[in-house]
Amino acid sequence: MHALIAEDPDQGVCMGWLHSSLQCAVGDEPGYVRLYGLYVPPEFRRMGVARALVDELFARVPDREVVLSAWNRELYKVWLKLGFTYVPEFGEVSGDCGYYGDMVRPPVEATS
């Protein structure tokens, strides 16, 4: 488990945190990063803290898929804004989003 913490250096307070874990490759399946939690206290929301934490995670693991379970329907649009895409369930019409489940940020392709 890894944690990223956003701190206000002037006030010495935590502005938010992110917990993730590297999931090792199994068989032919590649490894990925599981995002377990992202929290920003109400007084620090709409200040770019969540974006900064997620961007830092992406920067640290650019070649890995980042997966999260977006069960909280209120945060679904936030995850989309932060760069995640919805993974449709088997048989679900793309764009339907009746099921709020897994979301991913694919690995970034290396450029030369």
N, C-alpha and C. Protein backbone atom coordinates (compact mmCIF):
# COMPACT_ATOMS: atom_id res chain seq x y z
N MET A 1 0.85 -1.17 0.00
CA MET A 1 0.00 0.00 0.00
C MET A 1 0.89 1.23 0.00
N HIS A 2 0.56 2.18 -0.82
CA HIS A 2 1.31 3.44 -0.90
C HIS A 2 0.36 4.59 -0.62
N ALA A 3 0.88 5.65 -0.07
CA ALA A 3 0.07 6.84 0.20
C ALA A 3 0.76 8.07 -0.37
N LEU A 4 -0.04 8.94 -0.94
CA LEU A 4 0.41 10.26 -1.33
C LEU A 4 -0.38 11.23 -0.46
N ILE A 5 0.31 12.20 0.10
CA ILE A 5 -0.34 13.17 0.99
C ILE A 5 -0.07 14.57 0.48
N ALA A 6 -1.13 15.35 0.35
CA ALA A 6 -1.00 16.77 -0.02
C ALA A 6 -1.05 17.57 1.27
N GLU A 7 -0.03 18.38 1.48
CA GLU A 7 0.05 19.15 2.72
C GLU A 7 0.21 20.63 2.42
N ASP A 8 -0.46 21.45 3.19
CA ASP A 8 -0.30 22.90 3.10
C ASP A 8 0.91 23.26 3.94
N PRO A 9 2.03 23.66 3.29
CA PRO A 9 3.26 23.92 4.05
C PRO A 9 3.15 25.12 4.99
N ASP A 10 2.29 26.08 4.66
CA ASP A 10 2.15 27.25 5.53
C ASP A 10 1.39 26.93 6.81
N GLN A 11 0.34 26.12 6.68
CA GLN A 11 -0.48 25.78 7.84
C GLN A 11 -0.08 24.46 8.47
N GLY A 12 0.70 23.65 7.75
CA GLY A 12 1.11 22.35 8.27
C GLY A 12 -0.04 21.38 8.44
N VAL A 13 -1.04 21.48 7.55
CA VAL A 13 -2.20 20.59 7.64
C VAL A 13 -2.30 19.74 6.38
N CYS A 14 -2.91 18.58 6.56
CA CYS A 14 -3.14 17.67 5.44
C CYS A 14 -4.32 18.19 4.62
N MET A 15 -4.08 18.38 3.32
CA MET A 15 -5.12 18.86 2.41
C MET A 15 -5.81 17.72 1.68
N GLY A 16 -5.27 16.53 1.80
CA GLY A 16 -5.86 15.37 1.16
C GLY A 16 -4.87 14.22 1.07
N TRP A 17 -5.39 13.03 0.75
CA TRP A 17 -4.54 11.86 0.63
C TRP A 17 -5.09 10.91 -0.42
N LEU A 18 -4.21 10.03 -0.89
CA LEU A 18 -4.55 9.02 -1.88
C LEU A 18 -3.85 7.73 -1.46
N HIS A 19 -4.57 6.61 -1.45
CA HIS A 19 -3.98 5.29 -1.16
C HIS A 19 -4.07 4.43 -2.41
N SER A 20 -2.96 3.77 -2.74
CA SER A 20 -2.94 2.88 -3.89
C SER A 20 -2.03 1.70 -3.59
N SER A 21 -2.12 0.69 -4.45
CA SER A 21 -1.29 -0.49 -4.28
C SER A 21 -0.95 -1.07 -5.64
N LEU A 22 0.30 -1.47 -5.80
CA LEU A 22 0.74 -2.12 -7.03
C LEU A 22 0.31 -3.58 -6.98
N GLN A 23 -0.44 -4.00 -7.97
CA GLN A 23 -0.89 -5.39 -8.08
C GLN A 23 0.04 -6.09 -9.05
N CYS A 24 0.74 -7.08 -8.59
CA CYS A 24 1.74 -7.77 -9.41
C CYS A 24 1.09 -8.55 -10.56
N ALA A 25 1.85 -8.73 -11.61
CA ALA A 25 1.40 -9.51 -12.76
C ALA A 25 1.16 -10.95 -12.34
N VAL A 26 0.11 -11.55 -12.92
CA VAL A 26 -0.21 -12.95 -12.65
C VAL A 26 -0.37 -13.65 -14.00
N GLY A 27 0.47 -14.65 -14.24
CA GLY A 27 0.40 -15.37 -15.51
C GLY A 27 0.65 -14.43 -16.67
N ASP A 28 -0.27 -14.43 -17.63
CA ASP A 28 -0.15 -13.55 -18.80
C ASP A 28 -0.72 -12.16 -18.55
N GLU A 29 -1.40 -11.97 -17.42
CA GLU A 29 -2.02 -10.69 -17.11
C GLU A 29 -0.96 -9.71 -16.59
N PRO A 30 -0.94 -8.49 -17.13
CA PRO A 30 0.05 -7.51 -16.66
C PRO A 30 -0.32 -6.97 -15.28
N GLY A 31 0.65 -6.44 -14.58
CA GLY A 31 0.38 -5.81 -13.30
C GLY A 31 -0.34 -4.48 -13.51
N TYR A 32 -0.93 -3.97 -12.45
CA TYR A 32 -1.63 -2.70 -12.53
C TYR A 32 -1.60 -2.05 -11.15
N VAL A 33 -2.12 -0.85 -11.06
CA VAL A 33 -2.20 -0.14 -9.79
C VAL A 33 -3.66 -0.03 -9.40
N ARG A 34 -3.99 -0.41 -8.18
CA ARG A 34 -5.36 -0.30 -7.66
C ARG A 34 -5.42 0.96 -6.80
N LEU A 35 -6.30 1.87 -7.15
CA LEU A 35 -6.53 3.08 -6.36
C LEU A 35 -7.63 2.74 -5.36
N TYR A 36 -7.27 2.77 -4.07
CA TYR A 36 -8.22 2.38 -3.02
C TYR A 36 -8.98 3.56 -2.43
N GLY A 37 -8.34 4.70 -2.34
CA GLY A 37 -9.03 5.81 -1.73
C GLY A 37 -8.41 7.15 -2.08
N LEU A 38 -9.26 8.13 -2.19
CA LEU A 38 -8.85 9.51 -2.42
C LEU A 38 -9.76 10.36 -1.56
N TYR A 39 -9.17 11.20 -0.70
CA TYR A 39 -9.99 12.04 0.17
C TYR A 39 -9.41 13.44 0.25
N VAL A 40 -10.29 14.41 0.10
CA VAL A 40 -9.94 15.82 0.27
C VAL A 40 -11.00 16.40 1.20
N PRO A 41 -10.60 16.95 2.35
CA PRO A 41 -11.57 17.55 3.27
C PRO A 41 -12.34 18.69 2.59
N PRO A 42 -13.58 18.91 3.00
CA PRO A 42 -14.42 19.93 2.36
C PRO A 42 -13.76 21.31 2.22
N GLU A 43 -12.99 21.73 3.20
CA GLU A 43 -12.40 23.06 3.14
C GLU A 43 -11.30 23.20 2.08
N PHE A 44 -10.83 22.07 1.53
CA PHE A 44 -9.79 22.11 0.50
C PHE A 44 -10.29 21.66 -0.87
N ARG A 45 -11.58 21.41 -0.99
CA ARG A 45 -12.13 20.99 -2.28
C ARG A 45 -12.22 22.17 -3.24
N ARG A 46 -12.22 21.84 -4.53
CA ARG A 46 -12.28 22.83 -5.62
C ARG A 46 -11.04 23.73 -5.63
N MET A 47 -9.93 23.18 -5.14
CA MET A 47 -8.65 23.90 -5.14
C MET A 47 -7.60 23.15 -5.96
N GLY A 48 -7.99 22.04 -6.60
CA GLY A 48 -7.06 21.27 -7.41
C GLY A 48 -6.27 20.22 -6.64
N VAL A 49 -6.64 19.97 -5.39
CA VAL A 49 -5.90 19.00 -4.57
C VAL A 49 -6.08 17.58 -5.12
N ALA A 50 -7.32 17.18 -5.40
CA ALA A 50 -7.56 15.83 -5.94
C ALA A 50 -6.85 15.66 -7.27
N ARG A 51 -6.92 16.66 -8.13
CA ARG A 51 -6.24 16.60 -9.43
C ARG A 51 -4.74 16.43 -9.23
N ALA A 52 -4.15 17.19 -8.30
CA ALA A 52 -2.70 17.10 -8.05
C ALA A 52 -2.32 15.71 -7.56
N LEU A 53 -3.11 15.13 -6.67
CA LEU A 53 -2.81 13.80 -6.14
C LEU A 53 -2.90 12.74 -7.24
N VAL A 54 -3.96 12.78 -8.03
CA VAL A 54 -4.13 11.80 -9.11
C VAL A 54 -3.05 11.98 -10.18
N ASP A 55 -2.76 13.23 -10.54
CA ASP A 55 -1.71 13.48 -11.53
C ASP A 55 -0.36 12.95 -11.04
N GLU A 56 -0.08 13.10 -9.75
CA GLU A 56 1.18 12.59 -9.19
C GLU A 56 1.22 11.06 -9.26
N LEU A 57 0.10 10.42 -8.95
CA LEU A 57 0.04 8.96 -9.08
C LEU A 57 0.29 8.55 -10.52
N PHE A 58 -0.38 9.20 -11.48
CA PHE A 58 -0.18 8.88 -12.90
C PHE A 58 1.28 9.08 -13.30
N ALA A 59 1.89 10.14 -12.81
CA ALA A 59 3.30 10.42 -13.16
C ALA A 59 4.23 9.35 -12.61
N ARG A 60 3.90 8.78 -11.47
CA ARG A 60 4.76 7.76 -10.86
C ARG A 60 4.62 6.39 -11.51
N VAL A 61 3.50 6.14 -12.16
CA VAL A 61 3.26 4.84 -12.79
C VAL A 61 2.70 5.02 -14.20
N PRO A 62 3.42 5.74 -15.07
CA PRO A 62 2.86 6.03 -16.40
C PRO A 62 2.63 4.80 -17.26
N ASP A 63 3.37 3.74 -17.00
CA ASP A 63 3.27 2.54 -17.83
C ASP A 63 2.32 1.49 -17.26
N ARG A 64 1.56 1.87 -16.22
CA ARG A 64 0.64 0.92 -15.58
C ARG A 64 -0.81 1.40 -15.72
N GLU A 65 -1.70 0.44 -15.89
CA GLU A 65 -3.12 0.75 -15.82
C GLU A 65 -3.46 1.06 -14.37
N VAL A 66 -4.28 2.08 -14.14
CA VAL A 66 -4.74 2.43 -12.80
C VAL A 66 -6.23 2.12 -12.75
N VAL A 67 -6.64 1.29 -11.78
CA VAL A 67 -8.01 0.80 -11.68
C VAL A 67 -8.61 1.26 -10.35
N LEU A 68 -9.89 1.63 -10.39
CA LEU A 68 -10.61 1.94 -9.16
C LEU A 68 -12.03 1.45 -9.28
N SER A 69 -12.68 1.24 -8.14
CA SER A 69 -14.09 0.89 -8.12
C SER A 69 -14.87 2.13 -7.73
N ALA A 70 -15.66 2.63 -8.66
CA ALA A 70 -16.39 3.89 -8.46
C ALA A 70 -17.83 3.60 -8.05
N TRP A 71 -18.02 3.07 -6.88
CA TRP A 71 -19.36 2.72 -6.42
C TRP A 71 -20.14 3.93 -5.96
N ASN A 72 -19.46 4.98 -5.55
CA ASN A 72 -20.13 6.19 -5.09
C ASN A 72 -20.59 6.99 -6.31
N ARG A 73 -21.88 6.93 -6.59
CA ARG A 73 -22.43 7.58 -7.79
C ARG A 73 -22.20 9.09 -7.78
N GLU A 74 -22.11 9.69 -6.61
CA GLU A 74 -21.90 11.14 -6.52
C GLU A 74 -20.53 11.54 -7.05
N LEU A 75 -19.56 10.63 -7.02
CA LEU A 75 -18.21 10.95 -7.45
C LEU A 75 -17.90 10.49 -8.87
N TYR A 76 -18.85 9.87 -9.53
CA TYR A 76 -18.61 9.32 -10.86
C TYR A 76 -18.08 10.37 -11.83
N LYS A 77 -18.71 11.53 -11.89
CA LYS A 77 -18.27 12.57 -12.82
C LYS A 77 -16.90 13.13 -12.43
N VAL A 78 -16.60 13.12 -11.15
CA VAL A 78 -15.27 13.57 -10.69
C VAL A 78 -14.20 12.64 -11.25
N TRP A 79 -14.44 11.33 -11.17
CA TRP A 79 -13.46 10.37 -11.69
C TRP A 79 -13.25 10.57 -13.19
N LEU A 80 -14.33 10.85 -13.92
CA LEU A 80 -14.19 11.11 -15.35
C LEU A 80 -13.31 12.33 -15.59
N LYS A 81 -13.52 13.39 -14.83
CA LYS A 81 -12.72 14.62 -14.98
C LYS A 81 -11.26 14.38 -14.62
N LEU A 82 -11.00 13.40 -13.75
CA LEU A 82 -9.63 13.12 -13.31
C LEU A 82 -8.90 12.16 -14.26
N GLY A 83 -9.54 11.78 -15.36
CA GLY A 83 -8.85 10.98 -16.37
C GLY A 83 -9.20 9.52 -16.43
N PHE A 84 -10.20 9.09 -15.66
CA PHE A 84 -10.60 7.68 -15.68
C PHE A 84 -11.73 7.48 -16.69
N THR A 85 -11.84 6.26 -17.20
CA THR A 85 -12.93 5.91 -18.09
C THR A 85 -13.69 4.74 -17.50
N TYR A 86 -14.94 4.68 -17.84
CA TYR A 86 -15.84 3.64 -17.33
C TYR A 86 -15.60 2.32 -18.07
N VAL A 87 -15.63 1.22 -17.35
CA VAL A 87 -15.49 -0.11 -17.95
C VAL A 87 -16.88 -0.76 -17.95
N PRO A 88 -17.52 -0.88 -19.12
CA PRO A 88 -18.86 -1.47 -19.17
C PRO A 88 -18.85 -2.93 -18.74
N GLU A 89 -19.92 -3.34 -18.10
CA GLU A 89 -20.11 -4.74 -17.74
C GLU A 89 -20.43 -5.52 -19.02
N PHE A 90 -20.23 -6.82 -18.97
CA PHE A 90 -20.54 -7.68 -20.12
C PHE A 90 -21.99 -7.48 -20.54
N GLY A 91 -22.20 -7.21 -21.81
CA GLY A 91 -23.55 -7.04 -22.34
C GLY A 91 -24.12 -5.65 -22.18
N GLU A 92 -23.42 -4.78 -21.51
CA GLU A 92 -23.91 -3.42 -21.31
C GLU A 92 -23.59 -2.57 -22.53
N VAL A 93 -24.50 -1.72 -22.91
CA VAL A 93 -24.29 -0.82 -24.04
C VAL A 93 -23.31 0.27 -23.60
N SER A 94 -22.28 0.49 -24.39
CA SER A 94 -21.29 1.52 -24.07
C SER A 94 -21.97 2.87 -23.90
N GLY A 95 -21.63 3.57 -22.83
CA GLY A 95 -22.20 4.87 -22.55
C GLY A 95 -23.45 4.80 -21.69
N ASP A 96 -23.97 3.59 -21.44
CA ASP A 96 -25.17 3.43 -20.64
C ASP A 96 -24.91 3.83 -19.18
N CYS A 97 -23.82 3.34 -18.62
CA CYS A 97 -23.40 3.66 -17.25
C CYS A 97 -24.46 3.37 -16.20
N GLY A 98 -25.26 2.35 -16.43
CA GLY A 98 -26.23 1.96 -15.42
C GLY A 98 -25.54 1.30 -14.23
N TYR A 99 -24.37 0.79 -14.45
CA TYR A 99 -23.58 0.13 -13.42
C TYR A 99 -22.39 1.01 -13.10
N TYR A 100 -22.29 1.43 -11.88
CA TYR A 100 -21.15 2.26 -11.48
C TYR A 100 -20.13 1.35 -10.81
N GLY A 101 -19.24 0.80 -11.59
CA GLY A 101 -18.27 -0.15 -11.08
C GLY A 101 -16.86 0.28 -11.39
N ASP A 102 -16.12 -0.59 -12.03
CA ASP A 102 -14.72 -0.30 -12.29
C ASP A 102 -14.52 0.81 -13.31
N MET A 103 -13.49 1.60 -13.04
CA MET A 103 -13.05 2.64 -13.96
C MET A 103 -11.55 2.47 -14.08
N VAL A 104 -10.98 2.86 -15.21
CA VAL A 104 -9.55 2.71 -15.44
C VAL A 104 -8.96 3.96 -16.07
N ARG A 105 -7.66 4.08 -15.88
CA ARG A 105 -6.84 5.03 -16.63
C ARG A 105 -5.81 4.13 -17.28
N PRO A 106 -5.88 3.97 -18.62
CA PRO A 106 -4.94 3.07 -19.30
C PRO A 106 -3.49 3.56 -19.17
N PRO A 107 -2.54 2.65 -19.34
CA PRO A 107 -1.14 3.08 -19.32
C PRO A 107 -0.86 4.03 -20.47
N VAL A 108 0.08 4.91 -20.26
CA VAL A 108 0.46 5.86 -21.29
C VAL A 108 1.45 5.18 -22.22
N GLU A 109 1.21 5.26 -23.51
CA GLU A 109 2.11 4.67 -24.49
C GLU A 109 3.41 5.47 -24.54
N ALA A 110 4.51 4.76 -24.55
CA ALA A 110 5.82 5.42 -24.63
C ALA A 110 5.98 6.06 -26.01
N THR A 111 6.50 7.27 -26.03
CA THR A 111 6.77 7.96 -27.29
C THR A 111 8.26 8.09 -27.46
N SER A 112 8.70 8.02 -28.72
CA SER A 112 10.14 8.13 -28.96
C SER A 112 10.49 9.42 -29.63
